Amino acid sequence: MDMMKMLGQLQESQQKIQNAKEAMKNEFLDEKSSDNLLEVKVSKAGRVKEIKIDDELLEDKEQLVDYLILTLNKALEKAQNQYDEELERVARQGMPQIPGMPF
């Protein structure tokens, strides 16, 4: 395979990965507590966008903190997994076919 062609493919792949990272800043996941009293929205890039709290939770600060931690961690874990999967998918698409390499 022509080295210049491979270099071009790698540069194109890097650009696609960068584009995917930018796009995931505007793709969101919603996560709710098991009883639906708390809902969070996070970007696939791991940024908290929105938190909705049922008035019932406002009466118990400790419970609210527990719900926030659990629900945010769950949402951020899902976002990170989807972020990683998307970047891996984009990277694999752009990899040049090099004989002997297991891509």
PDB file of N, CA and C in Angstrom:
ATOM      1  N   MET A   1       0.844  -1.181   0.000  1.00  0.00           N
ATOM      2  CA  MET A   1       0.000   0.000   0.000  1.00  0.00           C
ATOM      3  C   MET A   1       0.888   1.244   0.000  1.00  0.00           C
ATOM      4  N   ASP A   2       0.487   2.219  -0.721  1.00  0.00           N
ATOM      5  CA  ASP A   2       1.198   3.496  -0.841  1.00  0.00           C
ATOM      6  C   ASP A   2       1.212   4.216   0.513  1.00  0.00           C
ATOM      7  N   MET A   3       2.403   4.605   0.960  1.00  0.00           N
ATOM      8  CA  MET A   3       2.560   5.256   2.263  1.00  0.00           C
ATOM      9  C   MET A   3       1.808   6.584   2.334  1.00  0.00           C
ATOM     10  N   MET A   4       1.807   7.352   1.269  1.00  0.00           N
ATOM     11  CA  MET A   4       1.095   8.636   1.256  1.00  0.00           C
ATOM     12  C   MET A   4      -0.414   8.420   1.375  1.00  0.00           C
ATOM     13  N   LYS A   5      -0.897   7.367   0.730  1.00  0.00           N
ATOM     14  CA  LYS A   5      -2.327   7.059   0.809  1.00  0.00           C
ATOM     15  C   LYS A   5      -2.699   6.679   2.248  1.00  0.00           C
ATOM     16  N   MET A   6      -1.842   5.867   2.883  1.00  0.00           N
ATOM     17  CA  MET A   6      -2.102   5.477   4.274  1.00  0.00           C
ATOM     18  C   MET A   6      -2.081   6.696   5.189  1.00  0.00           C
ATOM     19  N   LEU A   7      -1.134   7.586   4.967  1.00  0.00           N
ATOM     20  CA  LEU A   7      -1.048   8.801   5.773  1.00  0.00           C
ATOM     21  C   LEU A   7      -2.307   9.646   5.600  1.00  0.00           C
ATOM     22  N   GLY A   8      -2.774   9.749   4.371  1.00  0.00           N
ATOM     23  CA  GLY A   8      -4.011  10.485   4.098  1.00  0.00           C
ATOM     24  C   GLY A   8      -5.202   9.866   4.806  1.00  0.00           C
ATOM     25  N   GLN A   9      -5.267   8.520   4.800  1.00  0.00           N
ATOM     26  CA  GLN A   9      -6.366   7.829   5.484  1.00  0.00           C
ATOM     27  C   GLN A   9      -6.304   8.065   6.989  1.00  0.00           C
ATOM     28  N   LEU A  10      -5.108   8.055   7.541  1.00  0.00           N
ATOM     29  CA  LEU A  10      -4.960   8.296   8.982  1.00  0.00           C
ATOM     30  C   LEU A  10      -5.380   9.717   9.351  1.00  0.00           C
ATOM     31  N   GLN A  11      -5.005  10.677   8.534  1.00  0.00           N
ATOM     32  CA  GLN A  11      -5.402  12.064   8.794  1.00  0.00           C
ATOM     33  C   GLN A  11      -6.920  12.215   8.682  1.00  0.00           C
ATOM     34  N   GLU A  12      -7.501  11.548   7.700  1.00  0.00           N
ATOM     35  CA  GLU A  12      -8.960  11.589   7.539  1.00  0.00           C
ATOM     36  C   GLU A  12      -9.638  10.956   8.746  1.00  0.00           C
ATOM     37  N   SER A  13      -9.076   9.853   9.221  1.00  0.00           N
ATOM     38  CA  SER A  13      -9.622   9.177  10.398  1.00  0.00           C
ATOM     39  C   SER A  13      -9.550  10.080  11.628  1.00  0.00           C
ATOM     40  N   GLN A  14      -8.433  10.781  11.801  1.00  0.00           N
ATOM     41  CA  GLN A  14      -8.298  11.700  12.930  1.00  0.00           C
ATOM     42  C   GLN A  14      -9.353  12.799  12.867  1.00  0.00           C
ATOM     43  N   GLN A  15      -9.626  13.295  11.680  1.00  0.00           N
ATOM     44  CA  GLN A  15     -10.642  14.343  11.523  1.00  0.00           C
ATOM     45  C   GLN A  15     -12.030  13.801  11.858  1.00  0.00           C
ATOM     46  N   LYS A  16     -12.313  12.566  11.432  1.00  0.00           N
ATOM     47  CA  LYS A  16     -13.613  11.958  11.732  1.00  0.00           C
ATOM     48  C   LYS A  16     -13.779  11.753  13.235  1.00  0.00           C
ATOM     49  N   ILE A  17     -12.709  11.358  13.903  1.00  0.00           N
ATOM     50  CA  ILE A  17     -12.761  11.178  15.353  1.00  0.00           C
ATOM     51  C   ILE A  17     -13.030  12.517  16.029  1.00  0.00           C
ATOM     52  N   GLN A  18     -12.352  13.556  15.586  1.00  0.00           N
ATOM     53  CA  GLN A  18     -12.563  14.892  16.157  1.00  0.00           C
ATOM     54  C   GLN A  18     -14.001  15.355  15.931  1.00  0.00           C
ATOM     55  N   ASN A  19     -14.528  15.098  14.736  1.00  0.00           N
ATOM     56  CA  ASN A  19     -15.919  15.463  14.432  1.00  0.00           C
ATOM     57  C   ASN A  19     -16.889  14.705  15.332  1.00  0.00           C
ATOM     58  N   ALA A  20     -16.610  13.415  15.562  1.00  0.00           N
ATOM     59  CA  ALA A  20     -17.470  12.608  16.433  1.00  0.00           C
ATOM     60  C   ALA A  20     -17.445  13.144  17.862  1.00  0.00           C
ATOM     61  N   LYS A  21     -16.271  13.542  18.337  1.00  0.00           N
ATOM     62  CA  LYS A  21     -16.163  14.112  19.688  1.00  0.00           C
ATOM     63  C   LYS A  21     -17.003  15.381  19.807  1.00  0.00           C
ATOM     64  N   GLU A  22     -16.927  16.223  18.802  1.00  0.00           N
ATOM     65  CA  GLU A  22     -17.710  17.464  18.810  1.00  0.00           C
ATOM     66  C   GLU A  22     -19.208  17.163  18.786  1.00  0.00           C
ATOM     67  N   ALA A  23     -19.605  16.211  17.955  1.00  0.00           N
ATOM     68  CA  ALA A  23     -21.025  15.868  17.837  1.00  0.00           C
ATOM     69  C   ALA A  23     -21.575  15.342  19.162  1.00  0.00           C
ATOM     70  N   MET A  24     -20.770  14.557  19.881  1.00  0.00           N
ATOM     71  CA  MET A  24     -21.257  13.961  21.124  1.00  0.00           C
ATOM     72  C   MET A  24     -21.419  14.981  22.246  1.00  0.00           C
ATOM     73  N   LYS A  25     -20.885  16.169  22.068  1.00  0.00           N
ATOM     74  CA  LYS A  25     -21.134  17.240  23.041  1.00  0.00           C
ATOM     75  C   LYS A  25     -22.597  17.671  23.000  1.00  0.00           C
ATOM     76  N   ASN A  26     -23.268  17.383  21.885  1.00  0.00           N
ATOM     77  CA  ASN A  26     -24.665  17.783  21.702  1.00  0.00           C
ATOM     78  C   ASN A  26     -25.615  16.600  21.599  1.00  0.00           C
ATOM     79  N   GLU A  27     -25.158  15.425  22.001  1.00  0.00           N
ATOM     80  CA  GLU A  27     -26.005  14.234  22.063  1.00  0.00           C
ATOM     81  C   GLU A  27     -26.189  13.899  23.536  1.00  0.00           C
ATOM     82  N   PHE A  28     -27.444  13.695  23.942  1.00  0.00           N
ATOM     83  CA  PHE A  28     -27.739  13.587  25.370  1.00  0.00           C
ATOM     84  C   PHE A  28     -28.395  12.266  25.745  1.00  0.00           C
ATOM     85  N   LEU A  29     -28.175  11.880  26.992  1.00  0.00           N
ATOM     86  CA  LEU A  29     -28.793  10.708  27.596  1.00  0.00           C
ATOM     87  C   LEU A  29     -29.589  11.163  28.810  1.00  0.00           C
ATOM     88  N   ASP A  30     -30.734  10.543  29.018  1.00  0.00           N
ATOM     89  CA  ASP A  30     -31.537  10.810  30.211  1.00  0.00           C
ATOM     90  C   ASP A  30     -31.437   9.611  31.134  1.00  0.00           C
ATOM     91  N   GLU A  31     -31.350   9.874  32.411  1.00  0.00           N
ATOM     92  CA  GLU A  31     -31.324   8.819  33.420  1.00  0.00           C
ATOM     93  C   GLU A  31     -32.236   9.239  34.555  1.00  0.00           C
ATOM     94  N   LYS A  32     -33.021   8.275  35.063  1.00  0.00           N
ATOM     95  CA  LYS A  32     -33.954   8.549  36.155  1.00  0.00           C
ATOM     96  C   LYS A  32     -33.630   7.661  37.342  1.00  0.00           C
ATOM     97  N   SER A  33     -33.966   8.156  38.526  1.00  0.00           N
ATOM     98  CA  SER A  33     -33.853   7.314  39.712  1.00  0.00           C
ATOM     99  C   SER A  33     -34.898   6.209  39.591  1.00  0.00           C
ATOM    100  N   SER A  34     -34.735   5.159  40.379  1.00  0.00           N
ATOM    101  CA  SER A  34     -35.635   4.007  40.265  1.00  0.00           C
ATOM    102  C   SER A  34     -37.099   4.366  40.516  1.00  0.00           C
ATOM    103  N   ASP A  35     -37.360   5.392  41.312  1.00  0.00           N
ATOM    104  CA  ASP A  35     -38.743   5.796  41.588  1.00  0.00           C
ATOM    105  C   ASP A  35     -39.154   7.055  40.813  1.00  0.00           C
ATOM    106  N   ASN A  36     -38.320   7.468  39.874  1.00  0.00           N
ATOM    107  CA  ASN A  36     -38.596   8.615  38.993  1.00  0.00           C
ATOM    108  C   ASN A  36     -38.696   9.961  39.715  1.00  0.00           C
ATOM    109  N   LEU A  37     -38.136  10.065  40.904  1.00  0.00           N
ATOM    110  CA  LEU A  37     -38.177  11.335  41.627  1.00  0.00           C
ATOM    111  C   LEU A  37     -37.052  12.280  41.199  1.00  0.00           C
ATOM    112  N   LEU A  38     -36.061  11.728  40.515  1.00  0.00           N
ATOM    113  CA  LEU A  38     -34.930  12.528  40.056  1.00  0.00           C
ATOM    114  C   LEU A  38     -34.600  12.123  38.625  1.00  0.00           C
ATOM    115  N   GLU A  39     -34.353  13.117  37.790  1.00  0.00           N
ATOM    116  CA  GLU A  39     -33.975  12.852  36.403  1.00  0.00           C
ATOM    117  C   GLU A  39     -32.806  13.762  36.037  1.00  0.00           C
ATOM    118  N   VAL A  40     -31.812  13.171  35.378  1.00  0.00           N
ATOM    119  CA  VAL A  40     -30.666  13.959  34.920  1.00  0.00           C
ATOM    120  C   VAL A  40     -30.491  13.761  33.424  1.00  0.00           C
ATOM    121  N   LYS A  41     -29.949  14.785  32.792  1.00  0.00           N
ATOM    122  CA  LYS A  41     -29.622  14.727  31.367  1.00  0.00           C
ATOM    123  C   LYS A  41     -28.149  15.074  31.249  1.00  0.00           C
ATOM    124  N   VAL A  42     -27.380  14.172  30.602  1.00  0.00           N
ATOM    125  CA  VAL A  42     -25.950  14.401  30.405  1.00  0.00           C
ATOM    126  C   VAL A  42     -25.604  14.219  28.936  1.00  0.00           C
ATOM    127  N   SER A  43     -24.562  14.920  28.503  1.00  0.00           N
ATOM    128  CA  SER A  43     -24.092  14.733  27.133  1.00  0.00           C
ATOM    129  C   SER A  43     -23.240  13.472  27.083  1.00  0.00           C
ATOM    130  N   LYS A  44     -23.095  12.917  25.879  1.00  0.00           N
ATOM    131  CA  LYS A  44     -22.232  11.756  25.716  1.00  0.00           C
ATOM    132  C   LYS A  44     -20.776  12.125  25.978  1.00  0.00           C
ATOM    133  N   ALA A  45     -20.485  13.410  25.995  1.00  0.00           N
ATOM    134  CA  ALA A  45     -19.137  13.879  26.320  1.00  0.00           C
ATOM    135  C   ALA A  45     -18.958  14.046  27.831  1.00  0.00           C
ATOM    136  N   GLY A  46     -19.991  13.696  28.612  1.00  0.00           N
ATOM    137  CA  GLY A  46     -19.860  13.676  30.062  1.00  0.00           C
ATOM    138  C   GLY A  46     -20.156  14.973  30.783  1.00  0.00           C
ATOM    139  N   ARG A  47     -20.934  15.851  30.189  1.00  0.00           N
ATOM    140  CA  ARG A  47     -21.300  17.118  30.824  1.00  0.00           C
ATOM    141  C   ARG A  47     -22.756  17.057  31.275  1.00  0.00           C
ATOM    142  N   VAL A  48     -23.021  17.524  32.486  1.00  0.00           N
ATOM    143  CA  VAL A  48     -24.389  17.556  33.004  1.00  0.00           C
ATOM    144  C   VAL A  48     -25.121  18.714  32.345  1.00  0.00           C
ATOM    145  N   LYS A  49     -26.272  18.419  31.753  1.00  0.00           N
ATOM    146  CA  LYS A  49     -27.062  19.430  31.038  1.00  0.00           C
ATOM    147  C   LYS A  49     -28.242  19.906  31.886  1.00  0.00           C
ATOM    148  N   GLU A  50     -28.887  18.954  32.571  1.00  0.00           N
ATOM    149  CA  GLU A  50     -30.131  19.297  33.275  1.00  0.00           C
ATOM    150  C   GLU A  50     -30.361  18.333  34.437  1.00  0.00           C
ATOM    151  N   ILE A  51     -30.952  18.840  35.511  1.00  0.00           N
ATOM    152  CA  ILE A  51     -31.355  18.020  36.656  1.00  0.00           C
ATOM    153  C   ILE A  51     -32.778  18.412  37.020  1.00  0.00           C
ATOM    154  N   LYS A  52     -33.663  17.420  37.090  1.00  0.00           N
ATOM    155  CA  LYS A  52     -35.049  17.649  37.514  1.00  0.00           C
ATOM    156  C   LYS A  52     -35.262  16.902  38.826  1.00  0.00           C
ATOM    157  N   ILE A  53     -35.759  17.634  39.818  1.00  0.00           N
ATOM    158  CA  ILE A  53     -35.951  17.072  41.151  1.00  0.00           C
ATOM    159  C   ILE A  53     -37.412  17.201  41.543  1.00  0.00           C
ATOM    160  N   ASP A  54     -38.015  16.085  41.906  1.00  0.00           N
ATOM    161  CA  ASP A  54     -39.387  16.094  42.407  1.00  0.00           C
ATOM    162  C   ASP A  54     -39.400  16.790  43.770  1.00  0.00           C
ATOM    163  N   ASP A  55     -40.441  17.563  44.035  1.00  0.00           N
ATOM    164  CA  ASP A  55     -40.543  18.304  45.300  1.00  0.00           C
ATOM    165  C   ASP A  55     -40.425  17.399  46.525  1.00  0.00           C
ATOM    166  N   GLU A  56     -40.852  16.162  46.394  1.00  0.00           N
ATOM    167  CA  GLU A  56     -40.790  15.220  47.510  1.00  0.00           C
ATOM    168  C   GLU A  56     -39.351  15.043  48.021  1.00  0.00           C
ATOM    169  N   LEU A  57     -38.388  15.094  47.117  1.00  0.00           N
ATOM    170  CA  LEU A  57     -36.988  14.919  47.511  1.00  0.00           C
ATOM    171  C   LEU A  57     -36.417  16.133  48.225  1.00  0.00           C
ATOM    172  N   LEU A  58     -37.035  17.277  48.064  1.00  0.00           N
ATOM    173  CA  LEU A  58     -36.515  18.500  48.676  1.00  0.00           C
ATOM    174  C   LEU A  58     -36.662  18.500  50.193  1.00  0.00           C
ATOM    175  N   GLU A  59     -37.486  17.611  50.703  1.00  0.00           N
ATOM    176  CA  GLU A  59     -37.723  17.535  52.139  1.00  0.00           C
ATOM    177  C   GLU A  59     -36.610  16.800  52.883  1.00  0.00           C
ATOM    178  N   ASP A  60     -35.815  16.003  52.161  1.00  0.00           N
ATOM    179  CA  ASP A  60     -34.779  15.189  52.800  1.00  0.00           C
ATOM    180  C   ASP A  60     -33.455  15.388  52.058  1.00  0.00           C
ATOM    181  N   LYS A  61     -32.642  16.274  52.598  1.00  0.00           N
ATOM    182  CA  LYS A  61     -31.387  16.639  51.932  1.00  0.00           C
ATOM    183  C   LYS A  61     -30.474  15.428  51.728  1.00  0.00           C
ATOM    184  N   GLU A  62     -30.362  14.577  52.724  1.00  0.00           N
ATOM    185  CA  GLU A  62     -29.485  13.408  52.631  1.00  0.00           C
ATOM    186  C   GLU A  62     -29.933  12.467  51.511  1.00  0.00           C
ATOM    187  N   GLN A  63     -31.231  12.235  51.436  1.00  0.00           N
ATOM    188  CA  GLN A  63     -31.763  11.378  50.377  1.00  0.00           C
ATOM    189  C   GLN A  63     -31.521  12.018  49.004  1.00  0.00           C
ATOM    190  N   LEU A  64     -31.711  13.307  48.913  1.00  0.00           N
ATOM    191  CA  LEU A  64     -31.488  14.019  47.656  1.00  0.00           C
ATOM    192  C   LEU A  64     -30.036  13.867  47.201  1.00  0.00           C
ATOM    193  N   VAL A  65     -29.109  14.040  48.118  1.00  0.00           N
ATOM    194  CA  VAL A  65     -27.689  13.891  47.781  1.00  0.00           C
ATOM    195  C   VAL A  65     -27.405  12.471  47.297  1.00  0.00           C
ATOM    196  N   ASP A  66     -27.942  11.470  48.002  1.00  0.00           N
ATOM    197  CA  ASP A  66     -27.752  10.076  47.586  1.00  0.00           C
ATOM    198  C   ASP A  66     -28.305   9.840  46.180  1.00  0.00           C
ATOM    199  N   TYR A  67     -29.500  10.337  45.926  1.00  0.00           N
ATOM    200  CA  TYR A  67     -30.120  10.182  44.603  1.00  0.00           C
ATOM    201  C   TYR A  67     -29.277  10.858  43.526  1.00  0.00           C
ATOM    202  N   LEU A  68     -28.808  12.050  43.821  1.00  0.00           N
ATOM    203  CA  LEU A  68     -27.985  12.770  42.841  1.00  0.00           C
ATOM    204  C   LEU A  68     -26.717  11.992  42.505  1.00  0.00           C
ATOM    205  N   ILE A  69     -26.033  11.518  43.513  1.00  0.00           N
ATOM    206  CA  ILE A  69     -24.791  10.782  43.285  1.00  0.00           C
ATOM    207  C   ILE A  69     -25.055   9.520  42.470  1.00  0.00           C
ATOM    208  N   LEU A  70     -26.018   8.722  42.887  1.00  0.00           N
ATOM    209  CA  LEU A  70     -26.310   7.469  42.187  1.00  0.00           C
ATOM    210  C   LEU A  70     -26.750   7.700  40.747  1.00  0.00           C
ATOM    211  N   THR A  71     -27.675   8.610  40.563  1.00  0.00           N
ATOM    212  CA  THR A  71     -28.241   8.837  39.234  1.00  0.00           C
ATOM    213  C   THR A  71     -27.231   9.491  38.299  1.00  0.00           C
ATOM    214  N   LEU A  72     -26.489  10.463  38.796  1.00  0.00           N
ATOM    215  CA  LEU A  72     -25.459  11.093  37.960  1.00  0.00           C
ATOM    216  C   LEU A  72     -24.361  10.104  37.580  1.00  0.00           C
ATOM    217  N   ASN A  73     -23.906   9.309  38.527  1.00  0.00           N
ATOM    218  CA  ASN A  73     -22.872   8.322  38.210  1.00  0.00           C
ATOM    219  C   ASN A  73     -23.353   7.316  37.171  1.00  0.00           C
ATOM    220  N   LYS A  74     -24.582   6.885  37.300  1.00  0.00           N
ATOM    221  CA  LYS A  74     -25.161   5.946  36.336  1.00  0.00           C
ATOM    222  C   LYS A  74     -25.218   6.581  34.944  1.00  0.00           C
ATOM    223  N   ALA A  75     -25.683   7.811  34.875  1.00  0.00           N
ATOM    224  CA  ALA A  75     -25.792   8.511  33.594  1.00  0.00           C
ATOM    225  C   ALA A  75     -24.415   8.754  32.981  1.00  0.00           C
ATOM    226  N   LEU A  76     -23.467   9.180  33.796  1.00  0.00           N
ATOM    227  CA  LEU A  76     -22.125   9.461  33.282  1.00  0.00           C
ATOM    228  C   LEU A  76     -21.412   8.190  32.823  1.00  0.00           C
ATOM    229  N   GLU A  77     -21.665   7.082  33.497  1.00  0.00           N
ATOM    230  CA  GLU A  77     -21.083   5.805  33.075  1.00  0.00           C
ATOM    231  C   GLU A  77     -21.638   5.390  31.712  1.00  0.00           C
ATOM    232  N   LYS A  78     -22.946   5.515  31.536  1.00  0.00           N
ATOM    233  CA  LYS A  78     -23.557   5.201  30.239  1.00  0.00           C
ATOM    234  C   LYS A  78     -23.010   6.115  29.148  1.00  0.00           C
ATOM    235  N   ALA A  79     -22.888   7.392  29.467  1.00  0.00           N
ATOM    236  CA  ALA A  79     -22.369   8.354  28.493  1.00  0.00           C
ATOM    237  C   ALA A  79     -20.940   7.992  28.095  1.00  0.00           C
ATOM    238  N   GLN A  80     -20.115   7.654  29.072  1.00  0.00           N
ATOM    239  CA  GLN A  80     -18.719   7.296  28.784  1.00  0.00           C
ATOM    240  C   GLN A  80     -18.647   6.049  27.909  1.00  0.00           C
ATOM    241  N   ASN A  81     -19.484   5.055  28.201  1.00  0.00           N
ATOM    242  CA  ASN A  81     -19.500   3.835  27.396  1.00  0.00           C
ATOM    243  C   ASN A  81     -19.890   4.134  25.955  1.00  0.00           C
ATOM    244  N   GLN A  82     -20.926   4.940  25.763  1.00  0.00           N
ATOM    245  CA  GLN A  82     -21.358   5.276  24.410  1.00  0.00           C
ATOM    246  C   GLN A  82     -20.312   6.130  23.697  1.00  0.00           C
ATOM    247  N   TYR A  83     -19.677   7.014  24.410  1.00  0.00           N
ATOM    248  CA  TYR A  83     -18.610   7.857  23.859  1.00  0.00           C
ATOM    249  C   TYR A  83     -17.468   6.972  23.355  1.00  0.00           C
ATOM    250  N   ASP A  84     -17.028   6.044  24.201  1.00  0.00           N
ATOM    251  CA  ASP A  84     -15.935   5.146  23.833  1.00  0.00           C
ATOM    252  C   ASP A  84     -16.303   4.271  22.635  1.00  0.00           C
ATOM    253  N   GLU A  85     -17.521   3.721  22.647  1.00  0.00           N
ATOM    254  CA  GLU A  85     -17.970   2.869  21.545  1.00  0.00           C
ATOM    255  C   GLU A  85     -18.017   3.636  20.228  1.00  0.00           C
ATOM    256  N   GLU A  86     -18.508   4.861  20.266  1.00  0.00           N
ATOM    257  CA  GLU A  86     -18.608   5.667  19.046  1.00  0.00           C
ATOM    258  C   GLU A  86     -17.223   6.007  18.503  1.00  0.00           C
ATOM    259  N   LEU A  87     -16.312   6.392  19.376  1.00  0.00           N
ATOM    260  CA  LEU A  87     -14.960   6.714  18.915  1.00  0.00           C
ATOM    261  C   LEU A  87     -14.259   5.482  18.352  1.00  0.00           C
ATOM    262  N   GLU A  88     -14.469   4.339  18.979  1.00  0.00           N
ATOM    263  CA  GLU A  88     -13.877   3.099  18.465  1.00  0.00           C
ATOM    264  C   GLU A  88     -14.438   2.766  17.088  1.00  0.00           C
ATOM    265  N   ARG A  89     -15.750   2.929  16.930  1.00  0.00           N
ATOM    266  CA  ARG A  89     -16.386   2.645  15.641  1.00  0.00           C
ATOM    267  C   ARG A  89     -15.825   3.560  14.553  1.00  0.00           C
ATOM    268  N   VAL A  90     -15.735   4.843  14.850  1.00  0.00           N
ATOM    269  CA  VAL A  90     -15.224   5.813  13.874  1.00  0.00           C
ATOM    270  C   VAL A  90     -13.757   5.516  13.552  1.00  0.00           C
ATOM    271  N   ALA A  91     -12.972   5.189  14.563  1.00  0.00           N
ATOM    272  CA  ALA A  91     -11.549   4.909  14.346  1.00  0.00           C
ATOM    273  C   ALA A  91     -11.357   3.674  13.473  1.00  0.00           C
ATOM    274  N   ARG A  92     -12.151   2.638  13.716  1.00  0.00           N
ATOM    275  CA  ARG A  92     -12.029   1.407  12.919  1.00  0.00           C
ATOM    276  C   ARG A  92     -12.380   1.658  11.455  1.00  0.00           C
ATOM    277  N   GLN A  93     -13.358   2.503  11.213  1.00  0.00           N
ATOM    278  CA  GLN A  93     -13.758   2.801   9.836  1.00  0.00           C
ATOM    279  C   GLN A  93     -12.626   3.455   9.062  1.00  0.00           C
ATOM    280  N   GLY A  94     -11.835   4.252   9.727  1.00  0.00           N
ATOM    281  CA  GLY A  94     -10.803   5.016   9.042  1.00  0.00           C
ATOM    282  C   GLY A  94      -9.438   4.360   9.004  1.00  0.00           C
ATOM    283  N   MET A  95      -9.319   3.184   9.613  1.00  0.00           N
ATOM    284  CA  MET A  95      -8.012   2.533   9.644  1.00  0.00           C
ATOM    285  C   MET A  95      -7.665   1.961   8.277  1.00  0.00           C
ATOM    286  N   PRO A  96      -6.472   2.250   7.792  1.00  0.00           N
ATOM    287  CA  PRO A  96      -6.052   1.660   6.522  1.00  0.00           C
ATOM    288  C   PRO A  96      -5.843   0.160   6.694  1.00  0.00           C
ATOM    289  N   GLN A  97      -6.103  -0.580   5.653  1.00  0.00           N
ATOM    290  CA  GLN A  97      -5.918  -2.025   5.686  1.00  0.00           C
ATOM    291  C   GLN A  97      -4.440  -2.333   5.451  1.00  0.00           C
ATOM    292  N   ILE A  98      -3.752  -2.668   6.526  1.00  0.00           N
ATOM    293  CA  ILE A  98      -2.332  -2.978   6.449  1.00  0.00           C
ATOM    294  C   ILE A  98      -2.187  -4.490   6.551  1.00  0.00           C
ATOM    295  N   PRO A  99      -1.578  -5.118   5.551  1.00  0.00           N
ATOM    296  CA  PRO A  99      -1.416  -6.576   5.588  1.00  0.00           C
ATOM    297  C   PRO A  99      -0.738  -7.027   6.878  1.00  0.00           C
ATOM    298  N   GLY A 100      -1.313  -8.052   7.506  1.00  0.00           N
ATOM    299  CA  GLY A 100      -0.747  -8.594   8.730  1.00  0.00           C
ATOM    300  C   GLY A 100      -1.229  -7.937  10.001  1.00  0.00           C
ATOM    301  N   MET A 101      -1.990  -6.842   9.897  1.00  0.00           N
ATOM    302  CA  MET A 101      -2.505  -6.155  11.085  1.00  0.00           C
ATOM    303  C   MET A 101      -3.938  -6.622  11.347  1.00  0.00           C
ATOM    304  N   PRO A 102      -4.289  -6.872  12.605  1.00  0.00           N
ATOM    305  CA  PRO A 102      -5.603  -7.448  12.942  1.00  0.00           C
ATOM    306  C   PRO A 102      -6.740  -6.439  13.073  1.00  0.00           C
ATOM    307  N   PHE A 103      -6.812  -5.391  12.312  1.00  0.00           N
ATOM    308  CA  PHE A 103      -7.895  -4.400  12.435  1.00  0.00           C
ATOM    309  C   PHE A 103      -9.082  -4.871  11.656  1.00  0.00           C
TER     310      PHE A 103
END
